[in-house]
Amino acid sequence: MNETITFDDFTKVDLRIGTIIEVNDFLEARNPAYQLTIDFGDLGIKKSSAQITTLYKKEDLLNKQIVAVVNFPKKQIAKFMSECLVLGAVDGKDVILLNPEDKVKNGTSVN
């Protein structure tokens, strides 16, 4: 387990639901990854790099809703600017994306 945080620390993390609208191979990444374009509704469109190639094909990711942290600072990965962090459960090298059970409005807050 990581260090204990306070509830106030947790409330600073902005978790939102978004829909993947574009998926591209990220050939410049050190580890196999995709470049994702995600629609967060009123928050706009954000991009993310995700090492999820072992379990997901590009066509399976299109229109899939995911959970992401949207208030991290942008991070440059190779020549790509990642604007959010897609969340997943890590099982060895596999990442299983977290997503809502039912379709919800893009930009919906996760509490």
C-alpha atoms as a PDB file:
ATOM      1  CA  MET A   1       0.000   0.000   0.000  1.00  0.00           C
ATOM      2  CA  ASN A   2       1.183   3.530  -0.736  1.00  0.00           C
ATOM      3  CA  GLU A   3       1.383   6.241   1.899  1.00  0.00           C
ATOM      4  CA  THR A   4      -1.860   7.300   3.571  1.00  0.00           C
ATOM      5  CA  ILE A   5      -3.519  10.431   2.198  1.00  0.00           C
ATOM      6  CA  THR A   6      -6.233  12.604   3.665  1.00  0.00           C
ATOM      7  CA  PHE A   7      -9.722  12.982   2.261  1.00  0.00           C
ATOM      8  CA  ASP A   8      -8.722  16.539   1.291  1.00  0.00           C
ATOM      9  CA  ASP A   9      -5.848  15.073  -0.771  1.00  0.00           C
ATOM     10  CA  PHE A  10      -8.281  12.746  -2.541  1.00  0.00           C
ATOM     11  CA  THR A  11     -10.753  15.525  -3.354  1.00  0.00           C
ATOM     12  CA  LYS A  12      -8.000  17.325  -5.301  1.00  0.00           C
ATOM     13  CA  VAL A  13      -7.931  14.492  -7.852  1.00  0.00           C
ATOM     14  CA  ASP A  14     -10.393  15.252 -10.659  1.00  0.00           C
ATOM     15  CA  LEU A  15     -11.640  11.903 -11.995  1.00  0.00           C
ATOM     16  CA  ARG A  16     -13.914  12.091 -15.032  1.00  0.00           C
ATOM     17  CA  ILE A  17     -15.606   9.851 -17.563  1.00  0.00           C
ATOM     18  CA  GLY A  18     -14.598  10.262 -21.196  1.00  0.00           C
ATOM     19  CA  THR A  19     -15.128   8.472 -24.488  1.00  0.00           C
ATOM     20  CA  ILE A  20     -12.191   7.441 -26.676  1.00  0.00           C
ATOM     21  CA  ILE A  21     -12.769   8.964 -30.108  1.00  0.00           C
ATOM     22  CA  GLU A  22      -9.403   8.251 -31.778  1.00  0.00           C
ATOM     23  CA  VAL A  23      -6.646   5.656 -31.291  1.00  0.00           C
ATOM     24  CA  ASN A  24      -3.214   5.662 -32.934  1.00  0.00           C
ATOM     25  CA  ASP A  25      -0.106   3.549 -32.522  1.00  0.00           C
ATOM     26  CA  PHE A  26       2.590   5.360 -30.517  1.00  0.00           C
ATOM     27  CA  LEU A  27       5.691   4.147 -32.309  1.00  0.00           C
ATOM     28  CA  GLU A  28       8.063   6.541 -30.500  1.00  0.00           C
ATOM     29  CA  ALA A  29       7.140   5.256 -27.028  1.00  0.00           C
ATOM     30  CA  ARG A  30       9.717   3.128 -25.162  1.00  0.00           C
ATOM     31  CA  ASN A  31       7.078   0.516 -24.357  1.00  0.00           C
ATOM     32  CA  PRO A  32       4.224  -0.431 -26.701  1.00  0.00           C
ATOM     33  CA  ALA A  33       1.465   2.155 -26.321  1.00  0.00           C
ATOM     34  CA  TYR A  34      -1.416   3.916 -28.007  1.00  0.00           C
ATOM     35  CA  GLN A  35      -2.100   7.618 -28.371  1.00  0.00           C
ATOM     36  CA  LEU A  36      -5.691   8.202 -27.320  1.00  0.00           C
ATOM     37  CA  THR A  37      -7.945  11.168 -28.061  1.00  0.00           C
ATOM     38  CA  ILE A  38     -10.711  11.358 -25.465  1.00  0.00           C
ATOM     39  CA  ASP A  39     -13.917  13.416 -25.392  1.00  0.00           C
ATOM     40  CA  PHE A  40     -14.688  14.744 -21.895  1.00  0.00           C
ATOM     41  CA  GLY A  41     -17.823  16.669 -22.878  1.00  0.00           C
ATOM     42  CA  ASP A  42     -17.817  20.223 -21.485  1.00  0.00           C
ATOM     43  CA  LEU A  43     -14.150  19.776 -20.417  1.00  0.00           C
ATOM     44  CA  GLY A  44     -13.195  19.320 -24.061  1.00  0.00           C
ATOM     45  CA  ILE A  45     -10.963  16.894 -25.910  1.00  0.00           C
ATOM     46  CA  LYS A  46      -7.787  15.614 -24.220  1.00  0.00           C
ATOM     47  CA  LYS A  47      -4.992  13.315 -25.337  1.00  0.00           C
ATOM     48  CA  SER A  48      -3.301  10.533 -23.416  1.00  0.00           C
ATOM     49  CA  SER A  49      -0.657   7.882 -23.936  1.00  0.00           C
ATOM     50  CA  ALA A  50      -1.616   4.445 -22.630  1.00  0.00           C
ATOM     51  CA  GLN A  51       0.349   1.197 -22.432  1.00  0.00           C
ATOM     52  CA  ILE A  52      -2.694  -0.974 -23.055  1.00  0.00           C
ATOM     53  CA  THR A  53      -1.664  -2.810 -26.225  1.00  0.00           C
ATOM     54  CA  THR A  54      -1.524  -6.313 -24.701  1.00  0.00           C
ATOM     55  CA  LEU A  55      -5.269  -6.566 -24.051  1.00  0.00           C
ATOM     56  CA  TYR A  56      -6.832  -4.003 -26.399  1.00  0.00           C
ATOM     57  CA  LYS A  57      -6.927  -3.618 -30.166  1.00  0.00           C
ATOM     58  CA  LYS A  58      -7.343  -0.111 -31.550  1.00  0.00           C
ATOM     59  CA  GLU A  59     -10.773  -0.865 -32.997  1.00  0.00           C
ATOM     60  CA  ASP A  60     -11.989  -2.216 -29.629  1.00  0.00           C
ATOM     61  CA  LEU A  61     -11.099   1.060 -27.919  1.00  0.00           C
ATOM     62  CA  LEU A  62     -13.065   3.365 -30.210  1.00  0.00           C
ATOM     63  CA  ASN A  63     -16.174   4.715 -28.455  1.00  0.00           C
ATOM     64  CA  LYS A  64     -15.200   3.004 -25.183  1.00  0.00           C
ATOM     65  CA  GLN A  65     -15.833   5.039 -22.043  1.00  0.00           C
ATOM     66  CA  ILE A  66     -12.985   5.251 -19.566  1.00  0.00           C
ATOM     67  CA  VAL A  67     -12.068   6.877 -16.240  1.00  0.00           C
ATOM     68  CA  ALA A  68      -9.216   9.399 -16.236  1.00  0.00           C
ATOM     69  CA  VAL A  69      -7.498  11.959 -14.040  1.00  0.00           C
ATOM     70  CA  VAL A  70      -7.941  15.259 -15.895  1.00  0.00           C
ATOM     71  CA  ASN A  71      -6.161  17.720 -13.601  1.00  0.00           C
ATOM     72  CA  PHE A  72      -2.549  16.533 -13.814  1.00  0.00           C
ATOM     73  CA  PRO A  73      -0.126  18.884 -15.546  1.00  0.00           C
ATOM     74  CA  LYS A  74       0.611  18.020 -19.185  1.00  0.00           C
ATOM     75  CA  LYS A  75       3.475  15.551 -19.636  1.00  0.00           C
ATOM     76  CA  GLN A  76       5.646  15.221 -22.713  1.00  0.00           C
ATOM     77  CA  ILE A  77       6.280  11.636 -23.796  1.00  0.00           C
ATOM     78  CA  ALA A  78       8.618  11.579 -26.810  1.00  0.00           C
ATOM     79  CA  LYS A  79       7.029  14.113 -29.212  1.00  0.00           C
ATOM     80  CA  PHE A  80       3.553  13.605 -27.744  1.00  0.00           C
ATOM     81  CA  MET A  81       1.883  15.766 -25.064  1.00  0.00           C
ATOM     82  CA  SER A  82      -0.239  13.716 -22.656  1.00  0.00           C
ATOM     83  CA  GLU A  83      -3.010  15.782 -21.039  1.00  0.00           C
ATOM     84  CA  CYS A  84      -4.714  13.236 -18.780  1.00  0.00           C
ATOM     85  CA  LEU A  85      -4.082   9.868 -17.126  1.00  0.00           C
ATOM     86  CA  VAL A  86      -6.322   6.963 -18.121  1.00  0.00           C
ATOM     87  CA  LEU A  87      -6.900   4.636 -15.157  1.00  0.00           C
ATOM     88  CA  GLY A  88      -6.631   0.886 -15.172  1.00  0.00           C
ATOM     89  CA  ALA A  89      -6.006  -2.091 -12.942  1.00  0.00           C
ATOM     90  CA  VAL A  90      -2.456  -3.391 -13.437  1.00  0.00           C
ATOM     91  CA  ASP A  91      -1.964  -7.157 -13.562  1.00  0.00           C
ATOM     92  CA  GLY A  92       1.680  -7.792 -14.412  1.00  0.00           C
ATOM     93  CA  LYS A  93       2.166  -6.151 -17.809  1.00  0.00           C
ATOM     94  CA  ASP A  94      -1.551  -6.102 -18.573  1.00  0.00           C
ATOM     95  CA  VAL A  95      -3.676  -3.032 -17.866  1.00  0.00           C
ATOM     96  CA  ILE A  96      -7.443  -3.461 -17.612  1.00  0.00           C
ATOM     97  CA  LEU A  97      -9.167  -0.132 -18.187  1.00  0.00           C
ATOM     98  CA  LEU A  98     -11.583   1.172 -15.584  1.00  0.00           C
ATOM     99  CA  ASN A  99     -14.921   2.134 -17.081  1.00  0.00           C
ATOM    100  CA  PRO A 100     -18.520   2.753 -16.037  1.00  0.00           C
ATOM    101  CA  GLU A 101     -20.891  -0.195 -16.137  1.00  0.00           C
ATOM    102  CA  ASP A 102     -23.480   1.856 -18.032  1.00  0.00           C
ATOM    103  CA  LYS A 103     -22.996   4.697 -20.519  1.00  0.00           C
ATOM    104  CA  VAL A 104     -22.883   8.118 -18.847  1.00  0.00           C
ATOM    105  CA  LYS A 105     -22.460  11.686 -20.062  1.00  0.00           C
ATOM    106  CA  ASN A 106     -18.868  12.544 -21.000  1.00  0.00           C
ATOM    107  CA  GLY A 107     -17.264  14.707 -18.342  1.00  0.00           C
ATOM    108  CA  THR A 108     -19.244  13.113 -15.493  1.00  0.00           C
ATOM    109  CA  SER A 109     -17.325  13.341 -12.237  1.00  0.00           C
ATOM    110  CA  VAL A 110     -16.253  10.165 -10.426  1.00  0.00           C
ATOM    111  CA  ASN A 111     -16.523  10.437  -6.633  1.00  0.00           C
END
